[in-house]
All heavy atoms as atom14 arrays in JSON, in Angstrom:
{
  "sequence": "ADHYLRVEVLNSGPSVLAGESARPDRDRPKPDGAGRGLLGLRERV",
  "atom14_mask": [
    [1, 1, 1, 1, 1, 0, 0, 0, 0, 0, 0, 0, 0, 0],
    [1, 1, 1, 1, 1, 1, 1, 1, 0, 0, 0, 0, 0, 0],
    [1, 1, 1, 1, 1, 1, 1, 1, 1, 1, 0, 0, 0, 0],
    [1, 1, 1, 1, 1, 1, 1, 1, 1, 1, 1, 1, 0, 0],
    [1, 1, 1, 1, 1, 1, 1, 1, 0, 0, 0, 0, 0, 0],
    [1, 1, 1, 1, 1, 1, 1, 1, 1, 1, 1, 0, 0, 0],
    [1, 1, 1, 1, 1, 1, 1, 0, 0, 0, 0, 0, 0, 0],
    [1, 1, 1, 1, 1, 1, 1, 1, 1, 0, 0, 0, 0, 0],
    [1, 1, 1, 1, 1, 1, 1, 0, 0, 0, 0, 0, 0, 0],
    [1, 1, 1, 1, 1, 1, 1, 1, 0, 0, 0, 0, 0, 0],
    [1, 1, 1, 1, 1, 1, 1, 1, 0, 0, 0, 0, 0, 0],
    [1, 1, 1, 1, 1, 1, 0, 0, 0, 0, 0, 0, 0, 0],
    [1, 1, 1, 1, 0, 0, 0, 0, 0, 0, 0, 0, 0, 0],
    [1, 1, 1, 1, 1, 1, 1, 0, 0, 0, 0, 0, 0, 0],
    [1, 1, 1, 1, 1, 1, 0, 0, 0, 0, 0, 0, 0, 0],
    [1, 1, 1, 1, 1, 1, 1, 0, 0, 0, 0, 0, 0, 0],
    [1, 1, 1, 1, 1, 1, 1, 1, 0, 0, 0, 0, 0, 0],
    [1, 1, 1, 1, 1, 0, 0, 0, 0, 0, 0, 0, 0, 0],
    [1, 1, 1, 1, 0, 0, 0, 0, 0, 0, 0, 0, 0, 0],
    [1, 1, 1, 1, 1, 1, 1, 1, 1, 0, 0, 0, 0, 0],
    [1, 1, 1, 1, 1, 1, 0, 0, 0, 0, 0, 0, 0, 0],
    [1, 1, 1, 1, 1, 0, 0, 0, 0, 0, 0, 0, 0, 0],
    [1, 1, 1, 1, 1, 1, 1, 1, 1, 1, 1, 0, 0, 0],
    [1, 1, 1, 1, 1, 1, 1, 0, 0, 0, 0, 0, 0, 0],
    [1, 1, 1, 1, 1, 1, 1, 1, 0, 0, 0, 0, 0, 0],
    [1, 1, 1, 1, 1, 1, 1, 1, 1, 1, 1, 0, 0, 0],
    [1, 1, 1, 1, 1, 1, 1, 1, 0, 0, 0, 0, 0, 0],
    [1, 1, 1, 1, 1, 1, 1, 1, 1, 1, 1, 0, 0, 0],
    [1, 1, 1, 1, 1, 1, 1, 0, 0, 0, 0, 0, 0, 0],
    [1, 1, 1, 1, 1, 1, 1, 1, 1, 0, 0, 0, 0, 0],
    [1, 1, 1, 1, 1, 1, 1, 0, 0, 0, 0, 0, 0, 0],
    [1, 1, 1, 1, 1, 1, 1, 1, 0, 0, 0, 0, 0, 0],
    [1, 1, 1, 1, 0, 0, 0, 0, 0, 0, 0, 0, 0, 0],
    [1, 1, 1, 1, 1, 0, 0, 0, 0, 0, 0, 0, 0, 0],
    [1, 1, 1, 1, 0, 0, 0, 0, 0, 0, 0, 0, 0, 0],
    [1, 1, 1, 1, 1, 1, 1, 1, 1, 1, 1, 0, 0, 0],
    [1, 1, 1, 1, 0, 0, 0, 0, 0, 0, 0, 0, 0, 0],
    [1, 1, 1, 1, 1, 1, 1, 1, 0, 0, 0, 0, 0, 0],
    [1, 1, 1, 1, 1, 1, 1, 1, 0, 0, 0, 0, 0, 0],
    [1, 1, 1, 1, 0, 0, 0, 0, 0, 0, 0, 0, 0, 0],
    [1, 1, 1, 1, 1, 1, 1, 1, 0, 0, 0, 0, 0, 0],
    [1, 1, 1, 1, 1, 1, 1, 1, 1, 1, 1, 0, 0, 0],
    [1, 1, 1, 1, 1, 1, 1, 1, 1, 0, 0, 0, 0, 0],
    [1, 1, 1, 1, 1, 1, 1, 1, 1, 1, 1, 0, 0, 0],
    [1, 1, 1, 1, 1, 1, 1, 0, 0, 0, 0, 0, 0, 0]
  ],
  "atom14_positions": [
    [[138.64, 103.33, 105.77], [138.71, 103.34, 104.32], [139.76, 104.37, 103.88], [140.33, 105.09, 104.7], [137.35, 103.67, 103.71], [0.0, 0.0, 0.0], [0.0, 0.0, 0.0], [0.0, 0.0, 0.0], [0.0, 0.0, 0.0], [0.0, 0.0, 0.0], [0.0, 0.0, 0.0], [0.0, 0.0, 0.0], [0.0, 0.0, 0.0], [0.0, 0.0, 0.0]],
    [[140.0, 104.43, 102.57], [141.02, 105.34, 102.07], [140.69, 106.8, 102.35], [141.56, 107.6, 102.69], [141.21, 105.14, 100.56], [141.85, 103.79, 100.25], [142.51, 103.23, 101.14], [141.68, 103.3, 99.12], [0.0, 0.0, 0.0], [0.0, 0.0, 0.0], [0.0, 0.0, 0.0], [0.0, 0.0, 0.0], [0.0, 0.0, 0.0], [0.0, 0.0, 0.0]],
    [[139.41, 107.15, 102.2], [139.03, 108.56, 102.28], [138.01, 108.87, 103.38], [137.57, 110.01, 103.49], [138.48, 109.02, 100.93], [139.41, 108.79, 99.78], [140.59, 109.48, 99.65], [139.36, 107.92, 98.74], [141.22, 109.08, 98.56], [140.51, 108.12, 97.99], [0.0, 0.0, 0.0], [0.0, 0.0, 0.0], [0.0, 0.0, 0.0], [0.0, 0.0, 0.0]],
    [[137.62, 107.87, 104.15], [136.64, 108.14, 105.19], [136.76, 107.1, 106.3], [137.4, 106.05, 106.14], [135.22, 108.14, 104.62], [134.76, 106.8, 104.07], [134.16, 105.85, 104.9], [134.93, 106.48, 102.73], [133.75, 104.63, 104.4], [134.54, 105.26, 102.22], [133.94, 104.33, 103.07], [133.55, 103.11, 102.58], [0.0, 0.0, 0.0], [0.0, 0.0, 0.0]],
    [[136.15, 107.42, 107.43], [136.05, 106.52, 108.57], [134.58, 106.22, 108.81], [133.75, 107.14, 108.85], [136.65, 107.18, 109.82], [136.55, 106.35, 111.12], [137.55, 105.21, 111.11], [136.8, 107.26, 112.34], [0.0, 0.0, 0.0], [0.0, 0.0, 0.0], [0.0, 0.0, 0.0], [0.0, 0.0, 0.0], [0.0, 0.0, 0.0], [0.0, 0.0, 0.0]],
    [[134.25, 104.95, 108.97], [132.85, 104.57, 109.26], [132.8, 103.89, 110.62], [133.59, 102.98, 110.9], [132.3, 103.64, 108.19], [130.9, 103.1, 108.53], [130.24, 102.44, 107.35], [129.84, 103.43, 106.36], [129.28, 103.12, 105.2], [129.07, 101.87, 104.87], [128.93, 104.07, 104.36], [0.0, 0.0, 0.0], [0.0, 0.0, 0.0], [0.0, 0.0, 0.0]],
    [[131.89, 104.34, 111.45], [131.68, 103.77, 112.77], [130.21, 103.34, 112.87], [129.31, 104.14, 112.59], [132.0, 104.78, 113.89], [131.75, 104.16, 115.25], [133.44, 105.26, 113.78], [0.0, 0.0, 0.0], [0.0, 0.0, 0.0], [0.0, 0.0, 0.0], [0.0, 0.0, 0.0], [0.0, 0.0, 0.0], [0.0, 0.0, 0.0], [0.0, 0.0, 0.0]],
    [[129.99, 102.09, 113.25], [128.62, 101.58, 113.37], [128.49, 100.8, 114.66], [129.35, 100.0, 115.01], [128.28, 100.68, 112.19], [126.83, 100.18, 112.22], [126.49, 99.34, 111.0], [127.05, 98.23, 110.88], [125.67, 99.78, 110.17], [0.0, 0.0, 0.0], [0.0, 0.0, 0.0], [0.0, 0.0, 0.0], [0.0, 0.0, 0.0], [0.0, 0.0, 0.0]],
    [[127.41, 101.07, 115.39], [127.11, 100.37, 116.63], [125.69, 99.82, 116.52], [124.73, 100.57, 116.33], [127.24, 101.28, 117.86], [126.96, 100.48, 119.13], [128.62, 101.91, 117.93], [0.0, 0.0, 0.0], [0.0, 0.0, 0.0], [0.0, 0.0, 0.0], [0.0, 0.0, 0.0], [0.0, 0.0, 0.0], [0.0, 0.0, 0.0], [0.0, 0.0, 0.0]],
    [[125.56, 98.5, 116.64], [124.26, 97.83, 116.62], [124.02, 97.21, 117.98], [124.94, 96.68, 118.6], [124.23, 96.73, 115.55], [124.59, 97.11, 114.12], [124.61, 95.86, 113.25], [123.61, 98.13, 113.57], [0.0, 0.0, 0.0], [0.0, 0.0, 0.0], [0.0, 0.0, 0.0], [0.0, 0.0, 0.0], [0.0, 0.0, 0.0], [0.0, 0.0, 0.0]],
    [[122.79, 97.28, 118.46], [122.46, 96.55, 119.68], [121.16, 95.8, 119.49], [120.31, 96.18, 118.69], [122.4, 97.49, 120.9], [121.23, 98.44, 120.86], [120.08, 98.04, 121.01], [121.52, 99.72, 120.69], [0.0, 0.0, 0.0], [0.0, 0.0, 0.0], [0.0, 0.0, 0.0], [0.0, 0.0, 0.0], [0.0, 0.0, 0.0], [0.0, 0.0, 0.0]],
    [[121.06, 94.69, 120.19], [119.86, 93.87, 120.1], [118.78, 94.45, 121.0], [119.03, 95.35, 121.8], [120.18, 92.43, 120.52], [120.6, 92.41, 121.88], [0.0, 0.0, 0.0], [0.0, 0.0, 0.0], [0.0, 0.0, 0.0], [0.0, 0.0, 0.0], [0.0, 0.0, 0.0], [0.0, 0.0, 0.0], [0.0, 0.0, 0.0], [0.0, 0.0, 0.0]],
    [[117.6, 93.9, 120.86], [116.49, 94.39, 121.66], [115.18, 93.93, 121.08], [115.14, 93.24, 120.04], [0.0, 0.0, 0.0], [0.0, 0.0, 0.0], [0.0, 0.0, 0.0], [0.0, 0.0, 0.0], [0.0, 0.0, 0.0], [0.0, 0.0, 0.0], [0.0, 0.0, 0.0], [0.0, 0.0, 0.0], [0.0, 0.0, 0.0], [0.0, 0.0, 0.0]],
    [[114.07, 94.27, 121.71], [112.76, 93.85, 121.22], [112.46, 94.43, 119.85], [112.87, 95.54, 119.53], [111.78, 94.4, 122.26], [112.58, 94.9, 123.38], [113.97, 95.11, 122.9], [0.0, 0.0, 0.0], [0.0, 0.0, 0.0], [0.0, 0.0, 0.0], [0.0, 0.0, 0.0], [0.0, 0.0, 0.0], [0.0, 0.0, 0.0], [0.0, 0.0, 0.0]],
    [[111.76, 93.69, 119.04], [111.38, 94.16, 117.72], [110.29, 95.22, 117.84], [109.34, 95.08, 118.6], [110.87, 92.99, 116.87], [110.31, 93.46, 115.66], [0.0, 0.0, 0.0], [0.0, 0.0, 0.0], [0.0, 0.0, 0.0], [0.0, 0.0, 0.0], [0.0, 0.0, 0.0], [0.0, 0.0, 0.0], [0.0, 0.0, 0.0], [0.0, 0.0, 0.0]],
    [[110.44, 96.29, 117.06], [109.41, 97.33, 117.07], [108.13, 96.81, 116.42], [107.04, 97.34, 116.65], [109.9, 98.59, 116.33], [111.09, 99.17, 117.04], [110.25, 98.29, 114.88], [0.0, 0.0, 0.0], [0.0, 0.0, 0.0], [0.0, 0.0, 0.0], [0.0, 0.0, 0.0], [0.0, 0.0, 0.0], [0.0, 0.0, 0.0], [0.0, 0.0, 0.0]],
    [[108.24, 95.75, 115.6], [107.04, 95.18, 114.96], [106.21, 94.42, 115.97], [104.98, 94.35, 115.85], [107.46, 94.25, 113.81], [108.23, 94.91, 112.67], [108.62, 93.87, 111.64], [107.39, 96.0, 112.02], [0.0, 0.0, 0.0], [0.0, 0.0, 0.0], [0.0, 0.0, 0.0], [0.0, 0.0, 0.0], [0.0, 0.0, 0.0], [0.0, 0.0, 0.0]],
    [[106.89, 93.85, 116.98], [106.16, 93.08, 117.99], [105.58, 93.97, 119.07], [104.75, 93.54, 119.87], [107.08, 92.04, 118.63], [0.0, 0.0, 0.0], [0.0, 0.0, 0.0], [0.0, 0.0, 0.0], [0.0, 0.0, 0.0], [0.0, 0.0, 0.0], [0.0, 0.0, 0.0], [0.0, 0.0, 0.0], [0.0, 0.0, 0.0], [0.0, 0.0, 0.0]],
    [[106.03, 95.22, 119.12], [105.52, 96.17, 120.1], [105.96, 95.88, 121.51], [105.33, 96.29, 122.46], [0.0, 0.0, 0.0], [0.0, 0.0, 0.0], [0.0, 0.0, 0.0], [0.0, 0.0, 0.0], [0.0, 0.0, 0.0], [0.0, 0.0, 0.0], [0.0, 0.0, 0.0], [0.0, 0.0, 0.0], [0.0, 0.0, 0.0], [0.0, 0.0, 0.0]],
    [[107.09, 95.13, 121.64], [107.58, 94.79, 122.97], [108.49, 95.88, 123.48], [109.03, 96.68, 122.74], [108.35, 93.46, 122.91], [107.47, 92.3, 122.45], [108.28, 91.04, 122.26], [109.52, 91.14, 122.28], [107.68, 89.96, 122.11], [0.0, 0.0, 0.0], [0.0, 0.0, 0.0], [0.0, 0.0, 0.0], [0.0, 0.0, 0.0], [0.0, 0.0, 0.0]],
    [[108.69, 95.9, 124.77], [109.56, 96.91, 125.37], [110.28, 96.32, 126.55], [109.67, 95.78, 127.47], [108.74, 98.13, 125.83], [109.56, 99.06, 126.47], [0.0, 0.0, 0.0], [0.0, 0.0, 0.0], [0.0, 0.0, 0.0], [0.0, 0.0, 0.0], [0.0, 0.0, 0.0], [0.0, 0.0, 0.0], [0.0, 0.0, 0.0], [0.0, 0.0, 0.0]],
    [[111.61, 96.41, 126.52], [112.4, 95.89, 127.62], [112.34, 96.8, 128.83], [112.4, 96.36, 129.96], [113.86, 95.7, 127.19], [0.0, 0.0, 0.0], [0.0, 0.0, 0.0], [0.0, 0.0, 0.0], [0.0, 0.0, 0.0], [0.0, 0.0, 0.0], [0.0, 0.0, 0.0], [0.0, 0.0, 0.0], [0.0, 0.0, 0.0], [0.0, 0.0, 0.0]],
    [[112.21, 98.1, 128.58], [112.16, 99.06, 129.66], [111.23, 100.19, 129.25], [110.89, 100.34, 128.08], [113.56, 99.61, 129.97], [114.53, 98.52, 130.44], [115.77, 99.12, 131.02], [115.47, 99.95, 132.19], [116.41, 100.48, 132.94], [117.68, 100.29, 132.66], [116.09, 101.23, 133.97], [0.0, 0.0, 0.0], [0.0, 0.0, 0.0], [0.0, 0.0, 0.0]],
    [[110.81, 101.02, 130.23], [109.92, 102.12, 129.87], [110.51, 103.01, 128.8], [111.71, 103.17, 128.69], [109.77, 102.87, 131.22], [110.06, 101.85, 132.27], [111.1, 100.94, 131.67], [0.0, 0.0, 0.0], [0.0, 0.0, 0.0], [0.0, 0.0, 0.0], [0.0, 0.0, 0.0], [0.0, 0.0, 0.0], [0.0, 0.0, 0.0], [0.0, 0.0, 0.0]],
    [[109.64, 103.64, 128.02], [110.08, 104.47, 126.91], [110.98, 105.6, 127.35], [111.84, 106.05, 126.59], [108.87, 105.05, 126.16], [108.17, 103.97, 125.33], [108.79, 102.92, 125.07], [107.02, 104.21, 124.97], [0.0, 0.0, 0.0], [0.0, 0.0, 0.0], [0.0, 0.0, 0.0], [0.0, 0.0, 0.0], [0.0, 0.0, 0.0], [0.0, 0.0, 0.0]],
    [[110.79, 106.09, 128.55], [111.6, 107.23, 128.97], [113.07, 106.85, 129.11], [113.95, 107.72, 129.12], [111.09, 107.78, 130.31], [111.34, 106.87, 131.51], [110.89, 107.53, 132.8], [111.23, 106.75, 133.96], [110.51, 105.76, 134.44], [109.37, 105.41, 133.83], [110.89, 105.1, 135.51], [0.0, 0.0, 0.0], [0.0, 0.0, 0.0], [0.0, 0.0, 0.0]],
    [[113.37, 105.53, 129.27], [114.75, 105.08, 129.43], [115.39, 104.65, 128.12], [116.53, 104.22, 128.09], [114.81, 103.89, 130.4], [114.42, 104.3, 131.81], [114.61, 105.48, 132.12], [113.94, 103.45, 132.57], [0.0, 0.0, 0.0], [0.0, 0.0, 0.0], [0.0, 0.0, 0.0], [0.0, 0.0, 0.0], [0.0, 0.0, 0.0], [0.0, 0.0, 0.0]],
    [[114.65, 104.76, 127.0], [115.17, 104.3, 125.73], [115.54, 105.48, 124.86], [115.01, 106.58, 125.03], [114.11, 103.44, 125.02], [113.72, 102.21, 125.81], [112.48, 101.57, 125.25], [112.67, 101.21, 123.85], [111.7, 100.71, 123.09], [110.5, 100.53, 123.58], [111.94, 100.41, 121.83], [0.0, 0.0, 0.0], [0.0, 0.0, 0.0], [0.0, 0.0, 0.0]],
    [[116.46, 105.27, 123.92], [116.79, 106.36, 123.0], [115.57, 106.8, 122.24], [114.72, 105.99, 121.87], [117.83, 105.73, 122.06], [118.37, 104.55, 122.83], [117.25, 104.06, 123.67], [0.0, 0.0, 0.0], [0.0, 0.0, 0.0], [0.0, 0.0, 0.0], [0.0, 0.0, 0.0], [0.0, 0.0, 0.0], [0.0, 0.0, 0.0], [0.0, 0.0, 0.0]],
    [[115.43, 108.08, 122.01], [114.3, 108.59, 121.28], [114.4, 108.22, 119.81], [115.48, 108.03, 119.28], [114.21, 110.11, 121.43], [113.99, 110.53, 122.88], [113.89, 112.03, 122.98], [113.68, 112.45, 124.43], [113.61, 113.91, 124.59], [0.0, 0.0, 0.0], [0.0, 0.0, 0.0], [0.0, 0.0, 0.0], [0.0, 0.0, 0.0], [0.0, 0.0, 0.0]],
    [[113.26, 108.1, 119.1], [113.29, 107.7, 117.71], [114.19, 108.59, 116.88], [114.23, 109.8, 117.05], [111.82, 107.82, 117.29], [111.04, 107.7, 118.56], [111.91, 108.33, 119.61], [0.0, 0.0, 0.0], [0.0, 0.0, 0.0], [0.0, 0.0, 0.0], [0.0, 0.0, 0.0], [0.0, 0.0, 0.0], [0.0, 0.0, 0.0], [0.0, 0.0, 0.0]],
    [[114.92, 107.94, 115.95], [115.75, 108.64, 114.98], [116.79, 109.55, 115.64], [117.15, 110.59, 115.13], [114.88, 109.46, 114.01], [113.97, 108.57, 113.2], [114.34, 107.42, 112.92], [112.89, 109.04, 112.86], [0.0, 0.0, 0.0], [0.0, 0.0, 0.0], [0.0, 0.0, 0.0], [0.0, 0.0, 0.0], [0.0, 0.0, 0.0], [0.0, 0.0, 0.0]],
    [[117.25, 109.13, 116.8], [118.35, 109.87, 117.44], [117.96, 111.23, 117.94], [118.73, 112.17, 117.89], [0.0, 0.0, 0.0], [0.0, 0.0, 0.0], [0.0, 0.0, 0.0], [0.0, 0.0, 0.0], [0.0, 0.0, 0.0], [0.0, 0.0, 0.0], [0.0, 0.0, 0.0], [0.0, 0.0, 0.0], [0.0, 0.0, 0.0], [0.0, 0.0, 0.0]],
    [[116.74, 111.36, 118.49], [116.29, 112.67, 118.95], [116.81, 113.03, 120.32], [116.55, 114.1, 120.82], [114.75, 112.71, 118.94], [0.0, 0.0, 0.0], [0.0, 0.0, 0.0], [0.0, 0.0, 0.0], [0.0, 0.0, 0.0], [0.0, 0.0, 0.0], [0.0, 0.0, 0.0], [0.0, 0.0, 0.0], [0.0, 0.0, 0.0], [0.0, 0.0, 0.0]],
    [[117.54, 112.06, 121.0], [118.09, 112.37, 122.3], [119.17, 113.42, 122.23], [119.79, 113.62, 121.2], [0.0, 0.0, 0.0], [0.0, 0.0, 0.0], [0.0, 0.0, 0.0], [0.0, 0.0, 0.0], [0.0, 0.0, 0.0], [0.0, 0.0, 0.0], [0.0, 0.0, 0.0], [0.0, 0.0, 0.0], [0.0, 0.0, 0.0], [0.0, 0.0, 0.0]],
    [[119.41, 114.06, 123.38], [120.39, 115.14, 123.42], [121.78, 114.65, 123.02], [122.51, 115.32, 122.28], [120.42, 115.73, 124.83], [121.46, 116.84, 125.0], [121.48, 117.35, 126.42], [122.5, 118.38, 126.56], [122.31, 119.67, 126.32], [121.12, 120.07, 125.93], [123.27, 120.54, 126.48], [0.0, 0.0, 0.0], [0.0, 0.0, 0.0], [0.0, 0.0, 0.0]],
    [[122.17, 113.45, 123.54], [123.48, 112.94, 123.22], [123.68, 112.69, 121.74], [124.71, 113.06, 121.16], [0.0, 0.0, 0.0], [0.0, 0.0, 0.0], [0.0, 0.0, 0.0], [0.0, 0.0, 0.0], [0.0, 0.0, 0.0], [0.0, 0.0, 0.0], [0.0, 0.0, 0.0], [0.0, 0.0, 0.0], [0.0, 0.0, 0.0], [0.0, 0.0, 0.0]],
    [[122.7, 112.06, 121.1], [122.83, 111.75, 119.68], [122.73, 113.02, 118.83], [123.38, 113.12, 117.78], [121.75, 110.74, 119.26], [121.97, 109.33, 119.82], [120.81, 108.41, 119.46], [123.28, 108.73, 119.32], [0.0, 0.0, 0.0], [0.0, 0.0, 0.0], [0.0, 0.0, 0.0], [0.0, 0.0, 0.0], [0.0, 0.0, 0.0], [0.0, 0.0, 0.0]],
    [[121.94, 113.98, 119.28], [121.9, 115.26, 118.56], [123.27, 115.94, 118.61], [123.74, 116.5, 117.62], [120.82, 116.17, 119.16], [119.38, 115.86, 118.78], [118.42, 116.77, 119.54], [119.16, 116.0, 117.29], [0.0, 0.0, 0.0], [0.0, 0.0, 0.0], [0.0, 0.0, 0.0], [0.0, 0.0, 0.0], [0.0, 0.0, 0.0], [0.0, 0.0, 0.0]],
    [[123.9, 115.89, 119.78], [125.23, 116.47, 119.9], [126.24, 115.76, 119.02], [127.09, 116.4, 118.39], [0.0, 0.0, 0.0], [0.0, 0.0, 0.0], [0.0, 0.0, 0.0], [0.0, 0.0, 0.0], [0.0, 0.0, 0.0], [0.0, 0.0, 0.0], [0.0, 0.0, 0.0], [0.0, 0.0, 0.0], [0.0, 0.0, 0.0], [0.0, 0.0, 0.0]],
    [[126.13, 114.42, 118.93], [127.03, 113.67, 118.06], [126.81, 114.02, 116.6], [127.76, 114.13, 115.82], [126.83, 112.17, 118.27], [127.33, 111.6, 119.6], [126.99, 110.12, 119.7], [128.83, 111.81, 119.74], [0.0, 0.0, 0.0], [0.0, 0.0, 0.0], [0.0, 0.0, 0.0], [0.0, 0.0, 0.0], [0.0, 0.0, 0.0], [0.0, 0.0, 0.0]],
    [[125.56, 114.19, 116.22], [125.27, 114.55, 114.82], [125.92, 115.9, 114.48], [126.45, 116.07, 113.37], [123.76, 114.59, 114.6], [123.35, 114.86, 113.15], [121.86, 114.71, 112.94], [121.47, 113.31, 112.92], [120.72, 112.71, 113.83], [120.29, 113.4, 114.88], [120.39, 111.44, 113.73], [0.0, 0.0, 0.0], [0.0, 0.0, 0.0], [0.0, 0.0, 0.0]],
    [[125.88, 116.84, 115.41], [126.51, 118.14, 115.18], [128.03, 118.0, 115.11], [128.69, 118.64, 114.29], [126.12, 119.11, 116.29], [124.63, 119.47, 116.28], [124.23, 120.29, 117.49], [125.09, 120.5, 118.37], [123.06, 120.71, 117.55], [0.0, 0.0, 0.0], [0.0, 0.0, 0.0], [0.0, 0.0, 0.0], [0.0, 0.0, 0.0], [0.0, 0.0, 0.0]],
    [[128.61, 117.15, 115.96], [130.06, 116.94, 115.92], [130.49, 116.37, 114.57], [131.48, 116.81, 113.98], [130.47, 115.95, 117.02], [130.45, 116.49, 118.43], [130.9, 115.39, 119.37], [130.82, 115.8, 120.77], [131.79, 115.63, 121.64], [132.93, 115.09, 121.26], [131.64, 115.99, 122.9], [0.0, 0.0, 0.0], [0.0, 0.0, 0.0], [0.0, 0.0, 0.0]],
    [[129.75, 115.36, 114.11], [130.1, 114.71, 112.84], [129.96, 115.7, 111.69], [130.77, 115.72, 110.76], [129.21, 113.47, 112.62], [129.39, 112.91, 111.22], [129.55, 112.39, 113.66], [0.0, 0.0, 0.0], [0.0, 0.0, 0.0], [0.0, 0.0, 0.0], [0.0, 0.0, 0.0], [0.0, 0.0, 0.0], [0.0, 0.0, 0.0], [0.0, 0.0, 0.0]]
  ]
}
């Protein structure tokens, strides 16, 4: 955009409403970006 850059990444997967899980919870991103990597990205941004 003229005054900002927007980056968005979407991925498919099981619906949280259905309560399904493709892999164990320990291998999935933590809710609301609580993982170390996403926390680091939030600080960078």
